[in-house]
Amino acid sequence: MKIITALFSIALLVGCEGNSDSYVTPQETPDSAYKELDSAYQELDPTYQESDPINHQALPRPSSGVYDEKFGGQETIAPLEIKTEPGSDYYVKLESVANRGHTMTIYIHGGDTVSVKVPLGRYLIKYTSGDTWYGEQDNVYFGEEGFFQADESFNFTNIGNQISGYTVTLYQVVNGNLETLPIDKSQF
């Protein structure tokens, strides 16, 4: 088995307390809308077949931004910026090292940059990417794409009213200082 690692860049952001941020959240789409879309595609192209190799229906892409947040009421004050290159979309998971149940998931269209605020603490960053979104049901995401984790954790701190944050680029950069490692889907 060949293991592929890529170098990415990270940058430390320093800010002051009290900044506010807004989040983009996905809108719920009723199941009937998906059926109508399938019917419309079928009418336009009688040879149309769902290209889902894993028996799940492709869903509309969510907006770039926070997809879900479970921080147990903790104040979100530390900045995190994630940059992507054009192409495949990304589904990123920020997971607390101290409490694995405290997470934030972020959907990012390829080429977009998303800025969010997170609670202070140490986090793991995991991600998967792909071209067709199947959603979170049954942990399908983009199908059988790979799953990755940054090789180091990210520590968001507040020292002397200086809040540390990070900028992460999820594409290869020259002299990048972050490596990602493949992980099993069950670890995502």
C-alpha atoms as a PDB file:
ATOM      1  CA  MET A   1       0.000   0.000   0.000  1.00  0.00           C
ATOM      2  CA  LYS A   2       1.472   3.327  -1.042  1.00  0.00           C
ATOM      3  CA  ILE A   3       0.948   6.196   1.431  1.00  0.00           C
ATOM      4  CA  ILE A   4       0.782   9.641  -0.087  1.00  0.00           C
ATOM      5  CA  THR A   5       1.438  12.701   1.997  1.00  0.00           C
ATOM      6  CA  ALA A   6       1.243  16.291   0.893  1.00  0.00           C
ATOM      7  CA  LEU A   7       2.690  19.413   2.402  1.00  0.00           C
ATOM      8  CA  PHE A   8       0.310  22.241   3.124  1.00  0.00           C
ATOM      9  CA  SER A   9       0.882  25.609   4.700  1.00  0.00           C
ATOM     10  CA  ILE A  10      -0.442  26.930   7.974  1.00  0.00           C
ATOM     11  CA  ALA A  11      -0.182  30.426   9.349  1.00  0.00           C
ATOM     12  CA  LEU A  12      -0.739  31.656  12.864  1.00  0.00           C
ATOM     13  CA  LEU A  13      -3.311  34.425  13.214  1.00  0.00           C
ATOM     14  CA  VAL A  14      -3.349  36.703  16.218  1.00  0.00           C
ATOM     15  CA  GLY A  15      -6.400  38.791  17.014  1.00  0.00           C
ATOM     16  CA  CYS A  16      -8.160  40.557  19.816  1.00  0.00           C
ATOM     17  CA  GLU A  17     -11.107  39.318  21.813  1.00  0.00           C
ATOM     18  CA  GLY A  18     -14.598  40.426  20.957  1.00  0.00           C
ATOM     19  CA  ASN A  19     -14.642  39.999  17.183  1.00  0.00           C
ATOM     20  CA  SER A  20     -17.907  38.695  15.833  1.00  0.00           C
ATOM     21  CA  ASP A  21     -18.419  36.386  12.900  1.00  0.00           C
ATOM     22  CA  SER A  22     -21.394  35.074  11.024  1.00  0.00           C
ATOM     23  CA  TYR A  23     -21.824  31.574   9.694  1.00  0.00           C
ATOM     24  CA  VAL A  24     -23.367  30.231   6.541  1.00  0.00           C
ATOM     25  CA  THR A  25     -25.494  27.194   7.265  1.00  0.00           C
ATOM     26  CA  PRO A  26     -26.964  24.782   4.759  1.00  0.00           C
ATOM     27  CA  GLN A  27     -30.642  24.973   4.018  1.00  0.00           C
ATOM     28  CA  GLU A  28     -32.748  21.870   4.387  1.00  0.00           C
ATOM     29  CA  THR A  29     -34.161  20.569   1.130  1.00  0.00           C
ATOM     30  CA  PRO A  30     -37.236  18.342   1.232  1.00  0.00           C
ATOM     31  CA  ASP A  31     -36.952  14.837  -0.211  1.00  0.00           C
ATOM     32  CA  SER A  32     -39.658  15.702  -2.742  1.00  0.00           C
ATOM     33  CA  ALA A  33     -37.307  18.289  -4.287  1.00  0.00           C
ATOM     34  CA  TYR A  34     -34.696  15.587  -4.967  1.00  0.00           C
ATOM     35  CA  LYS A  35     -37.316  13.392  -6.624  1.00  0.00           C
ATOM     36  CA  GLU A  36     -38.439  16.319  -8.790  1.00  0.00           C
ATOM     37  CA  LEU A  37     -34.836  16.974  -9.851  1.00  0.00           C
ATOM     38  CA  ASP A  38     -34.335  13.335 -10.800  1.00  0.00           C
ATOM     39  CA  SER A  39     -37.568  13.409 -12.818  1.00  0.00           C
ATOM     40  CA  ALA A  40     -36.484  16.596 -14.593  1.00  0.00           C
ATOM     41  CA  TYR A  41     -33.080  15.122 -15.465  1.00  0.00           C
ATOM     42  CA  GLN A  42     -34.769  11.947 -16.726  1.00  0.00           C
ATOM     43  CA  GLU A  43     -37.084  13.991 -18.988  1.00  0.00           C
ATOM     44  CA  LEU A  44     -34.168  15.970 -20.436  1.00  0.00           C
ATOM     45  CA  ASP A  45     -32.025  12.915 -20.987  1.00  0.00           C
ATOM     46  CA  PRO A  46     -33.751   9.513 -21.129  1.00  0.00           C
ATOM     47  CA  THR A  47     -30.354   7.819 -20.639  1.00  0.00           C
ATOM     48  CA  TYR A  48     -29.799   9.687 -17.340  1.00  0.00           C
ATOM     49  CA  GLN A  49     -28.981   7.368 -14.468  1.00  0.00           C
ATOM     50  CA  GLU A  50     -27.851   8.258 -11.009  1.00  0.00           C
ATOM     51  CA  SER A  51     -24.066   7.943 -11.032  1.00  0.00           C
ATOM     52  CA  ASP A  52     -23.938   6.961  -7.368  1.00  0.00           C
ATOM     53  CA  PRO A  53     -21.635   3.955  -7.059  1.00  0.00           C
ATOM     54  CA  ILE A  54     -22.736   3.300  -3.482  1.00  0.00           C
ATOM     55  CA  ASN A  55     -26.526   3.370  -3.797  1.00  0.00           C
ATOM     56  CA  HIS A  56     -27.032   6.839  -2.386  1.00  0.00           C
ATOM     57  CA  GLN A  57     -28.659   9.741  -4.120  1.00  0.00           C
ATOM     58  CA  ALA A  58     -26.486  12.718  -5.033  1.00  0.00           C
ATOM     59  CA  LEU A  59     -27.582  15.851  -3.177  1.00  0.00           C
ATOM     60  CA  PRO A  60     -27.278  19.556  -3.978  1.00  0.00           C
ATOM     61  CA  ARG A  61     -24.007  21.056  -2.750  1.00  0.00           C
ATOM     62  CA  PRO A  62     -24.389  22.980   0.509  1.00  0.00           C
ATOM     63  CA  SER A  63     -23.168  26.570   0.680  1.00  0.00           C
ATOM     64  CA  SER A  64     -19.564  27.108   1.715  1.00  0.00           C
ATOM     65  CA  GLY A  65     -19.484  27.649   5.469  1.00  0.00           C
ATOM     66  CA  VAL A  66     -20.239  25.951   8.761  1.00  0.00           C
ATOM     67  CA  TYR A  67     -22.256  22.801   8.111  1.00  0.00           C
ATOM     68  CA  ASP A  68     -22.736  21.730  11.728  1.00  0.00           C
ATOM     69  CA  GLU A  69     -21.408  22.869  15.091  1.00  0.00           C
ATOM     70  CA  LYS A  70     -21.426  20.932  18.382  1.00  0.00           C
ATOM     71  CA  PHE A  71     -19.311  22.804  20.910  1.00  0.00           C
ATOM     72  CA  GLY A  72     -21.533  22.342  23.956  1.00  0.00           C
ATOM     73  CA  GLY A  73     -22.198  26.054  24.416  1.00  0.00           C
ATOM     74  CA  GLN A  74     -18.529  27.089  24.481  1.00  0.00           C
ATOM     75  CA  GLU A  75     -17.782  30.617  23.267  1.00  0.00           C
ATOM     76  CA  THR A  76     -16.354  30.686  19.728  1.00  0.00           C
ATOM     77  CA  ILE A  77     -13.631  33.357  19.675  1.00  0.00           C
ATOM     78  CA  ALA A  78     -10.507  31.981  17.938  1.00  0.00           C
ATOM     79  CA  PRO A  79     -10.145  32.508  14.165  1.00  0.00           C
ATOM     80  CA  LEU A  80      -9.710  29.650  11.709  1.00  0.00           C
ATOM     81  CA  GLU A  81      -9.418  30.275   7.979  1.00  0.00           C
ATOM     82  CA  ILE A  82      -9.408  27.413   5.468  1.00  0.00           C
ATOM     83  CA  LYS A  83      -8.390  27.996   1.855  1.00  0.00           C
ATOM     84  CA  THR A  84      -8.994  25.554  -0.994  1.00  0.00           C
ATOM     85  CA  GLU A  85      -8.018  25.435  -4.639  1.00  0.00           C
ATOM     86  CA  PRO A  86     -10.539  25.267  -7.501  1.00  0.00           C
ATOM     87  CA  GLY A  87     -11.793  21.795  -8.301  1.00  0.00           C
ATOM     88  CA  SER A  88     -13.239  19.323  -5.851  1.00  0.00           C
ATOM     89  CA  ASP A  89     -15.252  20.420  -2.821  1.00  0.00           C
ATOM     90  CA  TYR A  90     -14.085  19.758   0.740  1.00  0.00           C
ATOM     91  CA  TYR A  91     -15.833  18.561   3.874  1.00  0.00           C
ATOM     92  CA  VAL A  92     -13.671  19.496   6.864  1.00  0.00           C
ATOM     93  CA  LYS A  93     -14.085  18.295  10.434  1.00  0.00           C
ATOM     94  CA  LEU A  94     -12.573  20.132  13.392  1.00  0.00           C
ATOM     95  CA  GLU A  95     -12.544  17.773  16.392  1.00  0.00           C
ATOM     96  CA  SER A  96     -11.634  18.682  19.987  1.00  0.00           C
ATOM     97  CA  VAL A  97      -8.762  16.617  21.370  1.00  0.00           C
ATOM     98  CA  ALA A  98     -10.180  16.921  24.912  1.00  0.00           C
ATOM     99  CA  ASN A  99     -13.764  16.001  23.998  1.00  0.00           C
ATOM    100  CA  ARG A 100     -14.185  14.134  20.693  1.00  0.00           C
ATOM    101  CA  GLY A 101     -17.913  14.972  20.769  1.00  0.00           C
ATOM    102  CA  HIS A 102     -17.159  18.683  20.384  1.00  0.00           C
ATOM    103  CA  THR A 103     -16.864  19.202  16.646  1.00  0.00           C
ATOM    104  CA  MET A 104     -17.455  21.621  13.818  1.00  0.00           C
ATOM    105  CA  THR A 105     -17.942  20.521  10.234  1.00  0.00           C
ATOM    106  CA  ILE A 106     -17.394  22.883   7.331  1.00  0.00           C
ATOM    107  CA  TYR A 107     -18.380  22.457   3.683  1.00  0.00           C
ATOM    108  CA  ILE A 108     -16.138  24.346   1.249  1.00  0.00           C
ATOM    109  CA  HIS A 109     -16.602  24.697  -2.498  1.00  0.00           C
ATOM    110  CA  GLY A 110     -13.310  24.186  -4.339  1.00  0.00           C
ATOM    111  CA  GLY A 111     -11.583  27.560  -4.705  1.00  0.00           C
ATOM    112  CA  ASP A 112     -13.396  29.150  -1.751  1.00  0.00           C
ATOM    113  CA  THR A 113     -11.952  30.394   1.523  1.00  0.00           C
ATOM    114  CA  VAL A 114     -14.013  30.030   4.703  1.00  0.00           C
ATOM    115  CA  SER A 115     -13.351  31.937   7.934  1.00  0.00           C
ATOM    116  CA  VAL A 116     -14.929  30.752  11.191  1.00  0.00           C
ATOM    117  CA  LYS A 117     -14.472  31.160  14.941  1.00  0.00           C
ATOM    118  CA  VAL A 118     -13.879  28.215  17.266  1.00  0.00           C
ATOM    119  CA  PRO A 119     -13.645  27.800  21.055  1.00  0.00           C
ATOM    120  CA  LEU A 120     -10.225  27.906  22.657  1.00  0.00           C
ATOM    121  CA  GLY A 121      -8.578  24.502  22.877  1.00  0.00           C
ATOM    122  CA  ARG A 122      -6.651  21.905  20.900  1.00  0.00           C
ATOM    123  CA  TYR A 123      -8.221  20.439  17.750  1.00  0.00           C
ATOM    124  CA  LEU A 124      -7.585  17.872  15.050  1.00  0.00           C
ATOM    125  CA  ILE A 125      -8.397  18.788  11.457  1.00  0.00           C
ATOM    126  CA  LYS A 126      -9.705  16.023   9.219  1.00  0.00           C
ATOM    127  CA  TYR A 127     -11.132  16.248   5.717  1.00  0.00           C
ATOM    128  CA  THR A 128     -12.406  14.475   2.656  1.00  0.00           C
ATOM    129  CA  SER A 129     -13.065  15.865  -0.792  1.00  0.00           C
ATOM    130  CA  GLY A 130     -14.868  15.008  -3.985  1.00  0.00           C
ATOM    131  CA  ASP A 131     -17.079  16.160  -6.823  1.00  0.00           C
ATOM    132  CA  THR A 132     -20.474  14.674  -5.912  1.00  0.00           C
ATOM    133  CA  TRP A 133     -22.031  15.343  -2.497  1.00  0.00           C
ATOM    134  CA  TYR A 134     -24.053  12.488  -0.975  1.00  0.00           C
ATOM    135  CA  GLY A 135     -24.485  14.014   2.488  1.00  0.00           C
ATOM    136  CA  GLU A 136     -23.672  12.737   5.951  1.00  0.00           C
ATOM    137  CA  GLN A 137     -26.197   9.909   6.053  1.00  0.00           C
ATOM    138  CA  ASP A 138     -24.325   6.626   6.582  1.00  0.00           C
ATOM    139  CA  ASN A 139     -21.064   8.625   6.584  1.00  0.00           C
ATOM    140  CA  VAL A 140     -21.053   8.685   2.797  1.00  0.00           C
ATOM    141  CA  TYR A 141     -19.989  12.335   2.128  1.00  0.00           C
ATOM    142  CA  PHE A 142     -18.436  12.197  -1.378  1.00  0.00           C
ATOM    143  CA  GLY A 143     -18.549   8.435  -1.816  1.00  0.00           C
ATOM    144  CA  GLU A 144     -15.397   6.386  -1.704  1.00  0.00           C
ATOM    145  CA  GLU A 145     -12.967   9.315  -1.681  1.00  0.00           C
ATOM    146  CA  GLY A 146      -9.985   9.349   0.656  1.00  0.00           C
ATOM    147  CA  PHE A 147     -10.000  10.658   4.220  1.00  0.00           C
ATOM    148  CA  PHE A 148      -7.115  12.663   5.672  1.00  0.00           C
ATOM    149  CA  GLN A 149      -5.959  14.202   8.951  1.00  0.00           C
ATOM    150  CA  ALA A 150      -3.367  16.892   9.622  1.00  0.00           C
ATOM    151  CA  ASP A 151      -0.307  15.318  11.209  1.00  0.00           C
ATOM    152  CA  GLU A 152      -0.411  17.794  14.098  1.00  0.00           C
ATOM    153  CA  SER A 153      -3.088  19.294  16.312  1.00  0.00           C
ATOM    154  CA  PHE A 154      -3.968  23.000  16.374  1.00  0.00           C
ATOM    155  CA  ASN A 155      -3.919  24.836  19.697  1.00  0.00           C
ATOM    156  CA  PHE A 156      -6.161  27.926  19.839  1.00  0.00           C
ATOM    157  CA  THR A 157      -5.153  30.035  22.862  1.00  0.00           C
ATOM    158  CA  ASN A 158      -5.798  33.388  24.550  1.00  0.00           C
ATOM    159  CA  ILE A 159      -2.671  34.799  26.151  1.00  0.00           C
ATOM    160  CA  GLY A 160      -2.796  38.391  27.351  1.00  0.00           C
ATOM    161  CA  ASN A 161      -5.915  39.158  25.275  1.00  0.00           C
ATOM    162  CA  GLN A 162      -4.112  37.891  22.163  1.00  0.00           C
ATOM    163  CA  ILE A 163      -6.127  35.091  20.615  1.00  0.00           C
ATOM    164  CA  SER A 164      -4.198  32.707  18.402  1.00  0.00           C
ATOM    165  CA  GLY A 165      -5.735  31.242  15.296  1.00  0.00           C
ATOM    166  CA  TYR A 166      -4.685  29.543  12.079  1.00  0.00           C
ATOM    167  CA  THR A 167      -4.910  29.746   8.315  1.00  0.00           C
ATOM    168  CA  VAL A 168      -4.836  26.325   6.658  1.00  0.00           C
ATOM    169  CA  THR A 169      -4.465  25.784   2.913  1.00  0.00           C
ATOM    170  CA  LEU A 170      -5.816  22.434   1.731  1.00  0.00           C
ATOM    171  CA  TYR A 171      -3.654  22.229  -1.341  1.00  0.00           C
ATOM    172  CA  GLN A 172       0.036  21.727  -1.983  1.00  0.00           C
ATOM    173  CA  VAL A 173       2.218  24.783  -1.573  1.00  0.00           C
ATOM    174  CA  VAL A 174       5.958  25.225  -1.997  1.00  0.00           C
ATOM    175  CA  ASN A 175       7.692  24.980   1.386  1.00  0.00           C
ATOM    176  CA  GLY A 176       4.430  24.021   3.097  1.00  0.00           C
ATOM    177  CA  ASN A 177       4.715  23.174   6.778  1.00  0.00           C
ATOM    178  CA  LEU A 178       1.747  20.883   7.342  1.00  0.00           C
ATOM    179  CA  GLU A 179       1.526  17.267   6.316  1.00  0.00           C
ATOM    180  CA  THR A 180      -1.651  15.241   6.037  1.00  0.00           C
ATOM    181  CA  LEU A 181      -1.925  11.529   6.554  1.00  0.00           C
ATOM    182  CA  PRO A 182      -4.530   9.171   5.149  1.00  0.00           C
ATOM    183  CA  ILE A 183      -6.955   7.824   7.757  1.00  0.00           C
ATOM    184  CA  ASP A 184      -9.595   5.138   7.673  1.00  0.00           C
ATOM    185  CA  LYS A 185     -13.158   6.286   7.063  1.00  0.00           C
ATOM    186  CA  SER A 186     -14.067   4.975  10.541  1.00  0.00           C
ATOM    187  CA  GLN A 187     -11.610   7.484  12.076  1.00  0.00           C
ATOM    188  CA  PHE A 188     -13.364  10.392  10.406  1.00  0.00           C
END
